[in-house]
Amino acid sequence: MKLASRPALVVASMLMCLSMAATACSDDGGGGAESQPPLPSGEPSAFQIETTTKIGRVVGRLPKQTQRRVSRQVTPVVQRWFNAAYVGGDYPRRNFRDAFPGFTPGARAQARRDIRLMSNVDVGDRISGVTPKVSEVWLDVLAVRKHAVAVTARFHLAFKTHGDLDRRVGVHGRVLLTRAKPGWRIFAYHVAKTGAAA
């Protein structure tokens, strides 16, 4: 079935950019079908705290069973970014170029330009580790003919850094996702970070 993805992406992007003040905003129109490998079977357990996901607003008709399936599909995409950019991996380190799995090529290129916001590159070489404290996601879903065609994932991630910089950092905002052949992909974001290094 061919989904009406272009109108869905436009509506979702408009809702996001109207609903939240900008710190950083990227939108590449959902383009790019770069293949993405499936999640490794052990990857979710690498995240040190469970992500709590709830369904928020649903525009259009979407059965409850499908809503739960969308939640199971989208949550790991957001969580992989959390892992790669903020709470996973070894510290100290300075390399965060691979911090954006699940992003479309355009969104990944923009995120690399916003890398101090979109990852721990600003503190990575001055900390010895990270302890996640809160990981919450709320999914607003746009449905067409009982199929989810776009998702806005509102999120709140909080973690504590250790080492020379011992502080609590909060990352919150929204990422917009669309379907691609490998699965859901992040094509735009709207993110703010508090408690990071100056």
N, C-alpha and C. Protein backbone atom coordinates (compact mmCIF):
# COMPACT_ATOMS: atom_id res chain seq x y z
N MET A 1 0.84 -1.18 0.00
CA MET A 1 0.00 0.00 0.00
C MET A 1 0.88 1.24 0.00
N LYS A 2 0.59 2.20 -0.84
CA LYS A 2 1.34 3.45 -0.89
C LYS A 2 0.71 4.44 0.07
N LEU A 3 1.49 4.89 1.06
CA LEU A 3 0.96 5.79 2.07
C LEU A 3 1.04 7.24 1.60
N ALA A 4 0.10 8.04 2.08
CA ALA A 4 0.10 9.47 1.74
C ALA A 4 1.07 10.19 2.66
N SER A 5 2.36 9.91 2.47
CA SER A 5 3.35 10.38 3.43
C SER A 5 3.65 11.87 3.31
N ARG A 6 3.63 12.43 2.11
CA ARG A 6 4.01 13.84 1.96
C ARG A 6 3.07 14.78 2.72
N PRO A 7 1.72 14.66 2.58
CA PRO A 7 0.85 15.52 3.39
C PRO A 7 1.05 15.28 4.88
N ALA A 8 1.27 14.02 5.27
CA ALA A 8 1.46 13.71 6.68
C ALA A 8 2.68 14.42 7.23
N LEU A 9 3.76 14.41 6.48
CA LEU A 9 4.98 15.05 6.94
C LEU A 9 4.81 16.55 7.06
N VAL A 10 4.11 17.15 6.12
CA VAL A 10 3.91 18.60 6.16
C VAL A 10 3.09 18.97 7.39
N VAL A 11 2.00 18.24 7.65
CA VAL A 11 1.15 18.54 8.80
C VAL A 11 1.93 18.35 10.09
N ALA A 12 2.65 17.23 10.20
CA ALA A 12 3.39 16.96 11.44
C ALA A 12 4.45 18.01 11.68
N SER A 13 5.15 18.42 10.63
CA SER A 13 6.20 19.43 10.78
C SER A 13 5.61 20.76 11.21
N MET A 14 4.47 21.14 10.63
CA MET A 14 3.83 22.39 11.02
C MET A 14 3.41 22.36 12.48
N LEU A 15 2.84 21.24 12.93
CA LEU A 15 2.41 21.13 14.32
C LEU A 15 3.60 21.27 15.25
N MET A 16 4.72 20.65 14.90
CA MET A 16 5.89 20.72 15.76
C MET A 16 6.41 22.14 15.86
N CYS A 17 6.61 22.80 14.73
CA CYS A 17 7.26 24.11 14.74
C CYS A 17 6.36 25.20 15.29
N LEU A 18 5.05 24.98 15.30
CA LEU A 18 4.15 25.95 15.91
C LEU A 18 4.01 25.76 17.40
N SER A 19 4.30 24.54 17.89
CA SER A 19 3.96 24.21 19.27
C SER A 19 5.09 24.38 20.25
N MET A 20 6.31 24.64 19.78
CA MET A 20 7.43 24.70 20.72
C MET A 20 8.43 25.75 20.29
N ALA A 21 8.93 26.54 21.23
CA ALA A 21 9.94 27.55 20.91
C ALA A 21 11.22 26.88 20.48
N ALA A 22 11.91 27.49 19.54
CA ALA A 22 13.05 26.82 18.92
C ALA A 22 14.33 27.02 19.70
N THR A 23 15.05 25.91 19.84
CA THR A 23 16.46 25.98 20.15
C THR A 23 17.23 25.49 18.94
N ALA A 24 16.78 24.38 18.38
CA ALA A 24 17.31 23.94 17.09
C ALA A 24 16.19 23.22 16.37
N CYS A 25 16.08 23.43 15.07
CA CYS A 25 15.02 22.80 14.30
C CYS A 25 15.58 22.40 12.96
N SER A 26 15.38 21.16 12.58
CA SER A 26 15.86 20.66 11.29
C SER A 26 14.72 19.94 10.61
N ASP A 27 14.60 20.11 9.30
CA ASP A 27 13.57 19.42 8.54
C ASP A 27 14.07 19.23 7.14
N ASP A 28 14.33 17.96 6.77
CA ASP A 28 14.79 17.69 5.41
C ASP A 28 13.69 17.07 4.57
N GLY A 29 12.44 17.21 5.04
CA GLY A 29 11.31 16.75 4.24
C GLY A 29 11.13 15.26 4.22
N GLY A 30 11.84 14.54 5.08
CA GLY A 30 11.67 13.10 5.13
C GLY A 30 12.39 12.39 4.02
N GLY A 31 13.23 13.09 3.29
CA GLY A 31 13.90 12.47 2.18
C GLY A 31 15.00 11.55 2.63
N GLY A 32 15.45 10.74 1.69
CA GLY A 32 16.58 9.87 1.97
C GLY A 32 16.11 8.52 2.44
N ALA A 33 16.40 7.48 1.69
CA ALA A 33 16.00 6.13 2.06
C ALA A 33 17.22 5.29 2.36
N GLU A 34 18.22 5.91 2.97
CA GLU A 34 19.44 5.20 3.30
C GLU A 34 19.11 3.99 4.15
N SER A 35 19.65 2.84 3.78
CA SER A 35 19.33 1.63 4.51
C SER A 35 19.91 1.70 5.91
N GLN A 36 19.18 1.08 6.84
CA GLN A 36 19.58 1.07 8.23
C GLN A 36 19.50 -0.36 8.74
N PRO A 37 20.54 -0.89 9.36
CA PRO A 37 20.49 -2.25 9.84
C PRO A 37 19.48 -2.39 10.96
N PRO A 38 18.91 -3.58 11.14
CA PRO A 38 17.98 -3.79 12.24
C PRO A 38 18.69 -3.61 13.57
N LEU A 39 17.88 -3.38 14.60
CA LEU A 39 18.45 -3.25 15.93
C LEU A 39 19.13 -4.54 16.34
N PRO A 40 20.35 -4.49 16.85
CA PRO A 40 20.96 -5.69 17.39
C PRO A 40 20.10 -6.23 18.52
N SER A 41 20.06 -7.55 18.63
CA SER A 41 19.14 -8.18 19.58
C SER A 41 19.41 -7.75 21.02
N GLY A 42 20.67 -7.45 21.35
CA GLY A 42 20.97 -7.09 22.73
C GLY A 42 21.00 -5.61 22.99
N GLU A 43 20.73 -4.78 22.00
CA GLU A 43 20.93 -3.34 22.17
C GLU A 43 20.03 -2.69 23.20
N PRO A 44 18.70 -2.99 23.24
CA PRO A 44 17.88 -2.31 24.23
C PRO A 44 18.38 -2.47 25.66
N SER A 45 18.93 -3.65 26.00
CA SER A 45 19.41 -3.88 27.35
C SER A 45 20.63 -3.03 27.68
N ALA A 46 21.31 -2.50 26.64
CA ALA A 46 22.47 -1.65 26.87
C ALA A 46 22.07 -0.31 27.46
N PHE A 47 20.81 0.07 27.29
CA PHE A 47 20.32 1.31 27.88
C PHE A 47 20.09 1.06 29.36
N GLN A 48 20.66 1.88 30.21
CA GLN A 48 20.71 1.57 31.63
C GLN A 48 19.42 1.88 32.38
N ILE A 49 18.46 2.51 31.71
CA ILE A 49 17.18 2.80 32.35
C ILE A 49 16.08 2.59 31.32
N GLU A 50 14.98 2.05 31.74
CA GLU A 50 13.88 1.77 30.82
C GLU A 50 13.23 3.07 30.35
N THR A 51 12.94 3.13 29.06
CA THR A 51 12.22 4.26 28.51
C THR A 51 10.72 4.04 28.66
N THR A 52 10.03 4.99 29.28
CA THR A 52 8.59 4.91 29.43
C THR A 52 7.94 5.64 28.26
N THR A 53 7.10 4.93 27.50
CA THR A 53 6.46 5.50 26.32
C THR A 53 4.94 5.47 26.48
N LYS A 54 4.32 6.60 26.15
CA LYS A 54 2.86 6.69 26.18
C LYS A 54 2.38 7.28 24.86
N ILE A 55 1.20 6.87 24.44
CA ILE A 55 0.57 7.44 23.25
C ILE A 55 -0.13 8.74 23.67
N GLY A 56 0.19 9.82 22.95
CA GLY A 56 -0.45 11.10 23.22
C GLY A 56 -1.65 11.31 22.32
N ARG A 57 -1.57 12.31 21.48
CA ARG A 57 -2.69 12.62 20.58
C ARG A 57 -2.61 11.77 19.32
N VAL A 58 -3.74 11.26 18.90
CA VAL A 58 -3.84 10.52 17.65
C VAL A 58 -4.77 11.29 16.72
N VAL A 59 -4.26 11.74 15.60
CA VAL A 59 -5.06 12.43 14.59
C VAL A 59 -5.42 11.40 13.53
N GLY A 60 -6.71 11.17 13.35
CA GLY A 60 -7.16 10.09 12.48
C GLY A 60 -7.50 8.86 13.30
N ARG A 61 -7.97 7.85 12.62
CA ARG A 61 -8.37 6.61 13.30
C ARG A 61 -7.21 5.63 13.29
N LEU A 62 -6.89 5.12 14.48
CA LEU A 62 -5.80 4.15 14.60
C LEU A 62 -6.16 3.17 15.71
N PRO A 63 -6.38 1.90 15.37
CA PRO A 63 -6.76 0.92 16.39
C PRO A 63 -5.72 0.84 17.51
N LYS A 64 -6.19 0.51 18.71
CA LYS A 64 -5.31 0.41 19.87
C LYS A 64 -4.16 -0.56 19.63
N GLN A 65 -4.44 -1.67 18.98
CA GLN A 65 -3.39 -2.65 18.72
C GLN A 65 -2.30 -2.05 17.83
N THR A 66 -2.71 -1.26 16.83
CA THR A 66 -1.74 -0.61 15.96
C THR A 66 -0.97 0.46 16.71
N GLN A 67 -1.64 1.17 17.61
CA GLN A 67 -0.94 2.16 18.44
C GLN A 67 0.17 1.50 19.24
N ARG A 68 -0.13 0.34 19.82
CA ARG A 68 0.90 -0.36 20.61
C ARG A 68 2.04 -0.81 19.72
N ARG A 69 1.74 -1.25 18.50
CA ARG A 69 2.79 -1.66 17.59
C ARG A 69 3.68 -0.48 17.19
N VAL A 70 3.06 0.67 16.94
CA VAL A 70 3.83 1.86 16.61
C VAL A 70 4.76 2.23 17.77
N SER A 71 4.23 2.12 19.00
CA SER A 71 5.05 2.42 20.17
C SER A 71 6.26 1.49 20.24
N ARG A 72 6.04 0.21 19.98
CA ARG A 72 7.15 -0.76 20.03
C ARG A 72 8.17 -0.50 18.92
N GLN A 73 7.72 0.05 17.80
CA GLN A 73 8.62 0.30 16.68
C GLN A 73 9.39 1.61 16.83
N VAL A 74 8.72 2.63 17.34
CA VAL A 74 9.32 3.97 17.38
C VAL A 74 10.25 4.14 18.58
N THR A 75 9.86 3.59 19.73
CA THR A 75 10.66 3.78 20.94
C THR A 75 12.12 3.38 20.76
N PRO A 76 12.43 2.22 20.16
CA PRO A 76 13.85 1.86 20.00
C PRO A 76 14.62 2.82 19.10
N VAL A 77 13.94 3.47 18.14
CA VAL A 77 14.62 4.42 17.27
C VAL A 77 15.09 5.62 18.09
N VAL A 78 14.20 6.14 18.94
CA VAL A 78 14.56 7.27 19.79
C VAL A 78 15.62 6.85 20.80
N GLN A 79 15.46 5.66 21.33
CA GLN A 79 16.36 5.17 22.36
C GLN A 79 17.78 4.96 21.80
N ARG A 80 17.88 4.54 20.57
CA ARG A 80 19.21 4.36 19.96
C ARG A 80 19.95 5.69 19.89
N TRP A 81 19.23 6.76 19.58
CA TRP A 81 19.86 8.08 19.58
C TRP A 81 20.30 8.46 20.99
N PHE A 82 19.42 8.26 21.99
CA PHE A 82 19.80 8.53 23.37
C PHE A 82 21.10 7.81 23.72
N ASN A 83 21.17 6.52 23.37
CA ASN A 83 22.35 5.72 23.68
C ASN A 83 23.59 6.27 23.00
N ALA A 84 23.49 6.47 21.69
CA ALA A 84 24.67 6.84 20.90
C ALA A 84 25.14 8.25 21.20
N ALA A 85 24.21 9.15 21.53
CA ALA A 85 24.56 10.56 21.67
C ALA A 85 24.85 10.97 23.11
N TYR A 86 24.21 10.32 24.08
CA TYR A 86 24.27 10.83 25.44
C TYR A 86 24.69 9.81 26.50
N VAL A 87 24.00 8.71 26.61
CA VAL A 87 24.17 7.87 27.80
C VAL A 87 24.94 6.58 27.58
N GLY A 88 25.21 6.22 26.34
CA GLY A 88 25.91 4.98 26.06
C GLY A 88 27.37 5.22 25.73
N GLY A 89 28.10 4.14 25.54
CA GLY A 89 29.49 4.24 25.11
C GLY A 89 30.45 4.51 26.25
N ASP A 90 31.72 4.55 25.90
CA ASP A 90 32.78 4.76 26.88
C ASP A 90 33.17 6.23 26.95
N TYR A 91 33.46 6.67 28.14
CA TYR A 91 33.94 8.03 28.38
C TYR A 91 35.27 7.95 29.12
N PRO A 92 36.15 8.93 28.97
CA PRO A 92 36.03 10.14 28.12
C PRO A 92 36.19 9.83 26.65
N ARG A 93 35.57 10.65 25.80
CA ARG A 93 35.74 10.54 24.35
C ARG A 93 35.33 11.84 23.69
N ARG A 94 35.76 12.02 22.44
CA ARG A 94 35.45 13.24 21.69
C ARG A 94 34.72 12.94 20.39
N ASN A 95 34.68 11.68 19.99
CA ASN A 95 34.10 11.32 18.70
C ASN A 95 32.61 10.98 18.86
N PHE A 96 31.75 11.81 18.26
CA PHE A 96 30.31 11.57 18.31
C PHE A 96 29.70 11.60 16.91
N ARG A 97 30.52 11.37 15.89
CA ARG A 97 30.00 11.43 14.53
C ARG A 97 28.97 10.35 14.24
N ASP A 98 29.01 9.25 14.98
CA ASP A 98 28.05 8.17 14.78
C ASP A 98 26.92 8.23 15.81
N ALA A 99 26.62 9.43 16.28
CA ALA A 99 25.64 9.59 17.35
C ALA A 99 24.20 9.65 16.87
N PHE A 100 23.96 9.46 15.56
CA PHE A 100 22.61 9.69 15.04
C PHE A 100 22.08 8.52 14.23
N PRO A 101 22.07 7.32 14.79
CA PRO A 101 21.45 6.19 14.09
C PRO A 101 19.95 6.43 13.96
N GLY A 102 19.37 6.00 12.86
CA GLY A 102 17.94 6.17 12.69
C GLY A 102 17.53 7.53 12.15
N PHE A 103 18.47 8.43 11.89
CA PHE A 103 18.18 9.72 11.28
C PHE A 103 18.25 9.58 9.75
N THR A 104 17.43 10.33 9.05
CA THR A 104 17.58 10.39 7.60
C THR A 104 18.89 11.12 7.28
N PRO A 105 19.42 10.97 6.07
CA PRO A 105 20.69 11.63 5.75
C PRO A 105 20.66 13.14 5.98
N GLY A 106 19.58 13.80 5.60
CA GLY A 106 19.50 15.24 5.79
C GLY A 106 19.46 15.63 7.26
N ALA A 107 18.67 14.90 8.05
CA ALA A 107 18.59 15.20 9.47
C ALA A 107 19.91 14.89 10.16
N ARG A 108 20.58 13.83 9.72
CA ARG A 108 21.88 13.50 10.31
C ARG A 108 22.91 14.59 10.02
N ALA A 109 22.90 15.10 8.80
CA ALA A 109 23.85 16.16 8.45
C ALA A 109 23.59 17.41 9.29
N GLN A 110 22.31 17.75 9.50
CA GLN A 110 21.99 18.92 10.32
C GLN A 110 22.37 18.67 11.78
N ALA A 111 22.11 17.46 12.28
CA ALA A 111 22.44 17.14 13.66
C ALA A 111 23.95 17.24 13.90
N ARG A 112 24.74 16.88 12.91
CA ARG A 112 26.19 17.01 13.06
C ARG A 112 26.60 18.48 13.13
N ARG A 113 25.84 19.34 12.46
CA ARG A 113 26.12 20.78 12.58
C ARG A 113 25.70 21.31 13.96
N ASP A 114 24.69 20.66 14.56
CA ASP A 114 24.22 21.03 15.89
C ASP A 114 24.77 20.07 16.96
N ILE A 115 25.95 19.54 16.72
CA ILE A 115 26.40 18.39 17.51
C ILE A 115 26.59 18.70 18.98
N ARG A 116 26.90 19.94 19.33
CA ARG A 116 27.04 20.28 20.75
C ARG A 116 25.70 20.16 21.48
N LEU A 117 24.62 20.41 20.78
CA LEU A 117 23.29 20.27 21.33
C LEU A 117 22.80 18.83 21.27
N MET A 118 23.09 18.17 20.18
CA MET A 118 22.49 16.87 19.87
C MET A 118 23.30 15.68 20.40
N SER A 119 24.36 15.97 21.15
CA SER A 119 25.18 14.90 21.73
C SER A 119 25.93 15.44 22.93
N ASN A 120 26.78 14.61 23.51
CA ASN A 120 27.63 15.01 24.63
C ASN A 120 29.01 15.48 24.19
N VAL A 121 29.15 15.90 22.95
CA VAL A 121 30.48 16.30 22.48
C VAL A 121 31.04 17.46 23.29
N ASP A 122 30.17 18.29 23.88
CA ASP A 122 30.65 19.44 24.65
C ASP A 122 31.27 19.05 25.97
N VAL A 123 30.96 17.84 26.47
CA VAL A 123 31.51 17.41 27.77
C VAL A 123 32.22 16.07 27.70
N GLY A 124 32.16 15.42 26.56
CA GLY A 124 32.62 14.03 26.46
C GLY A 124 34.04 13.78 26.88
N ASP A 125 34.93 14.74 26.65
CA ASP A 125 36.33 14.53 27.01
C ASP A 125 36.63 14.96 28.45
N ARG A 126 35.58 15.40 29.18
CA ARG A 126 35.79 15.84 30.55
C ARG A 126 34.98 15.05 31.57
N ILE A 127 34.37 13.96 31.11
CA ILE A 127 33.60 13.13 32.03
C ILE A 127 34.09 11.68 31.94
N SER A 128 33.86 10.95 33.02
CA SER A 128 34.28 9.56 33.07
C SER A 128 33.12 8.58 32.89
N GLY A 129 31.90 9.10 32.93
CA GLY A 129 30.75 8.24 32.77
C GLY A 129 29.45 9.01 32.86
N VAL A 130 28.35 8.31 32.55
CA VAL A 130 27.01 8.91 32.56
C VAL A 130 26.05 7.93 33.23
N THR A 131 25.20 8.46 34.10
CA THR A 131 24.14 7.65 34.71
C THR A 131 22.80 8.24 34.30
N PRO A 132 22.01 7.52 33.47
CA PRO A 132 20.69 8.04 33.09
C PRO A 132 19.73 8.03 34.27
N LYS A 133 18.89 9.05 34.35
CA LYS A 133 17.94 9.19 35.45
C LYS A 133 16.49 9.09 34.99
N VAL A 134 16.16 9.71 33.87
CA VAL A 134 14.79 9.74 33.36
C VAL A 134 14.82 9.55 31.86
N SER A 135 13.94 8.73 31.34
CA SER A 135 13.79 8.56 29.89
C SER A 135 12.31 8.37 29.59
N GLU A 136 11.67 9.42 29.07
CA GLU A 136 10.24 9.40 28.82
C GLU A 136 9.94 9.86 27.40
N VAL A 137 8.99 9.21 26.77
CA VAL A 137 8.60 9.55 25.40
C VAL A 137 7.08 9.53 25.31
N TRP A 138 6.52 10.54 24.64
CA TRP A 138 5.09 10.60 24.35
C TRP A 138 4.93 10.69 22.84
N LEU A 139 4.12 9.83 22.26
CA LEU A 139 3.98 9.76 20.81
C LEU A 139 2.66 10.36 20.35
N ASP A 140 2.75 11.39 19.51
CA ASP A 140 1.59 11.93 18.81
C ASP A 140 1.62 11.36 17.40
N VAL A 141 0.54 10.73 17.00
CA VAL A 141 0.52 9.94 15.77
C VAL A 141 -0.47 10.52 14.78
N LEU A 142 -0.05 10.63 13.53
CA LEU A 142 -0.94 11.01 12.44
C LEU A 142 -1.26 9.76 11.65
N ALA A 143 -2.55 9.44 11.54
CA ALA A 143 -3.00 8.22 10.89
C ALA A 143 -3.83 8.54 9.66
N VAL A 144 -3.63 7.77 8.61
CA VAL A 144 -4.42 7.86 7.39
C VAL A 144 -4.93 6.46 7.07
N ARG A 145 -6.24 6.32 6.98
CA ARG A 145 -6.85 5.01 6.69
C ARG A 145 -6.37 3.93 7.66
N LYS A 146 -6.35 4.29 8.93
CA LYS A 146 -5.99 3.38 10.02
C LYS A 146 -4.53 2.93 9.97
N HIS A 147 -3.69 3.68 9.29
CA HIS A 147 -2.26 3.40 9.25
C HIS A 147 -1.50 4.63 9.74
N ALA A 148 -0.53 4.42 10.61
CA ALA A 148 0.31 5.51 11.10
C ALA A 148 1.26 5.93 9.98
N VAL A 149 1.24 7.21 9.62
CA VAL A 149 2.10 7.71 8.54
C VAL A 149 3.16 8.68 9.04
N ALA A 150 2.97 9.25 10.23
CA ALA A 150 3.97 10.15 10.80
C ALA A 150 3.80 10.17 12.31
N VAL A 151 4.89 10.35 13.01
CA VAL A 151 4.88 10.37 14.47
C VAL A 151 5.73 11.53 14.96
N THR A 152 5.20 12.28 15.91
CA THR A 152 5.99 13.25 16.64
C THR A 152 6.26 12.66 18.02
N ALA A 153 7.52 12.43 18.33
CA ALA A 153 7.90 11.86 19.61
C ALA A 153 8.40 12.98 20.52
N ARG A 154 7.59 13.35 21.51
CA ARG A 154 8.02 14.31 22.52
C ARG A 154 8.79 13.53 23.59
N PHE A 155 9.88 14.08 24.06
CA PHE A 155 10.72 13.29 24.95
C PHE A 155 11.34 14.14 26.05
N HIS A 156 11.72 13.45 27.10
CA HIS A 156 12.51 14.04 28.19
C HIS A 156 13.54 13.02 28.62
N LEU A 157 14.81 13.39 28.50
CA LEU A 157 15.92 12.54 28.93
C LEU A 157 16.71 13.33 29.96
N ALA A 158 17.00 12.71 31.09
CA ALA A 158 17.84 13.34 32.11
C ALA A 158 18.92 12.35 32.52
N PHE A 159 20.13 12.87 32.70
CA PHE A 159 21.24 12.00 33.11
C PHE A 159 22.23 12.80 33.93
N LYS A 160 23.06 12.08 34.66
CA LYS A 160 24.07 12.70 35.50
C LYS A 160 25.45 12.33 34.95
N THR A 161 26.30 13.31 34.82
CA THR A 161 27.66 13.06 34.36
C THR A 161 28.59 12.96 35.56
N HIS A 162 29.69 12.21 35.37
CA HIS A 162 30.66 11.99 36.43
C HIS A 162 32.05 12.35 35.92
N GLY A 163 32.93 12.70 36.84
CA GLY A 163 34.28 13.07 36.47
C GLY A 163 34.53 14.53 36.76
N ASP A 164 35.30 15.18 35.89
CA ASP A 164 35.61 16.60 36.09
C ASP A 164 34.36 17.46 36.07
N LEU A 165 33.37 17.04 35.29
CA LEU A 165 32.08 17.75 35.25
C LEU A 165 31.03 16.83 35.86
N ASP A 166 30.65 17.15 37.08
CA ASP A 166 29.67 16.35 37.81
C ASP A 166 28.38 17.16 37.86
N ARG A 167 27.46 16.85 36.96
CA ARG A 167 26.24 17.66 36.89
C ARG A 167 25.10 16.86 36.30
N ARG A 168 23.89 17.37 36.47
CA ARG A 168 22.69 16.75 35.89
C ARG A 168 22.35 17.50 34.61
N VAL A 169 22.12 16.76 33.55
CA VAL A 169 21.82 17.33 32.24
C VAL A 169 20.42 16.87 31.82
N GLY A 170 19.65 17.79 31.26
CA GLY A 170 18.34 17.45 30.72
C GLY A 170 18.28 17.74 29.24
N VAL A 171 17.72 16.82 28.49
CA VAL A 171 17.50 17.00 27.06
C VAL A 171 16.02 16.77 26.81
N HIS A 172 15.36 17.72 26.14
CA HIS A 172 13.94 17.56 25.89
C HIS A 172 13.58 18.20 24.55
N GLY A 173 12.43 17.84 24.06
CA GLY A 173 11.98 18.39 22.79
C GLY A 173 11.17 17.37 22.02
N ARG A 174 11.34 17.40 20.70
CA ARG A 174 10.56 16.53 19.81
C ARG A 174 11.42 16.07 18.66
N VAL A 175 11.17 14.85 18.24
CA VAL A 175 11.72 14.39 16.97
C VAL A 175 10.54 13.92 16.12
N LEU A 176 10.62 14.17 14.83
CA LEU A 176 9.58 13.76 13.90
C LEU A 176 10.06 12.55 13.11
N LEU A 177 9.18 11.58 12.99
CA LEU A 177 9.55 10.34 12.32
C LEU A 177 8.58 10.03 11.19
N THR A 178 9.11 9.41 10.16
CA THR A 178 8.31 8.93 9.04
C THR A 178 8.74 7.52 8.71
N ARG A 179 7.91 6.83 7.97
CA ARG A 179 8.24 5.46 7.59
C ARG A 179 9.22 5.45 6.43
N ALA A 180 10.17 4.54 6.48
CA ALA A 180 11.05 4.24 5.37
C ALA A 180 11.13 2.73 5.28
N LYS A 181 11.73 2.24 4.21
CA LYS A 181 11.76 0.78 4.03
C LYS A 181 12.41 0.04 5.21
N PRO A 182 13.49 0.59 5.80
CA PRO A 182 14.05 -0.13 6.95
C PRO A 182 13.22 0.04 8.22
N GLY A 183 12.26 0.96 8.24
CA GLY A 183 11.48 1.21 9.45
C GLY A 183 11.28 2.70 9.65
N TRP A 184 10.96 3.09 10.87
CA TRP A 184 10.75 4.50 11.18
C TRP A 184 12.09 5.23 11.22
N ARG A 185 12.10 6.45 10.67
CA ARG A 185 13.32 7.26 10.63
C ARG A 185 13.03 8.66 11.13
N ILE A 186 13.98 9.25 11.83
CA ILE A 186 13.87 10.63 12.31
C ILE A 186 14.26 11.56 11.17
N PHE A 187 13.33 12.44 10.75
CA PHE A 187 13.64 13.34 9.65
C PHE A 187 13.72 14.81 10.09
N ALA A 188 13.33 15.09 11.33
CA ALA A 188 13.41 16.46 11.83
C ALA A 188 13.47 16.41 13.36
N TYR A 189 13.97 17.48 13.94
CA TYR A 189 14.06 17.53 15.39
C TYR A 189 13.92 18.95 15.89
N HIS A 190 13.59 19.03 17.16
CA HIS A 190 13.42 20.33 17.83
C HIS A 190 13.84 20.08 19.28
N VAL A 191 15.04 20.45 19.66
CA VAL A 191 15.67 19.96 20.87
C VAL A 191 16.24 21.10 21.70
N ALA A 192 16.15 20.98 23.01
CA ALA A 192 16.79 21.91 23.94
C ALA A 192 17.54 21.08 24.98
N LYS A 193 18.61 21.67 25.50
CA LYS A 193 19.43 20.97 26.51
C LYS A 193 19.73 21.94 27.64
N THR A 194 19.62 21.44 28.86
CA THR A 194 19.92 22.26 30.03
C THR A 194 20.99 21.56 30.86
N GLY A 195 21.77 22.37 31.57
CA GLY A 195 22.78 21.81 32.46
C GLY A 195 24.06 21.41 31.77
N ALA A 196 24.19 21.69 30.46
CA ALA A 196 25.39 21.31 29.73
C ALA A 196 26.49 22.32 29.99
N ALA A 197 27.69 21.97 29.54
CA ALA A 197 28.82 22.87 29.72
C ALA A 197 28.63 24.14 28.90
N ALA A 198 29.14 25.25 29.41
CA ALA A 198 29.03 26.51 28.68
C ALA A 198 29.91 26.46 27.44
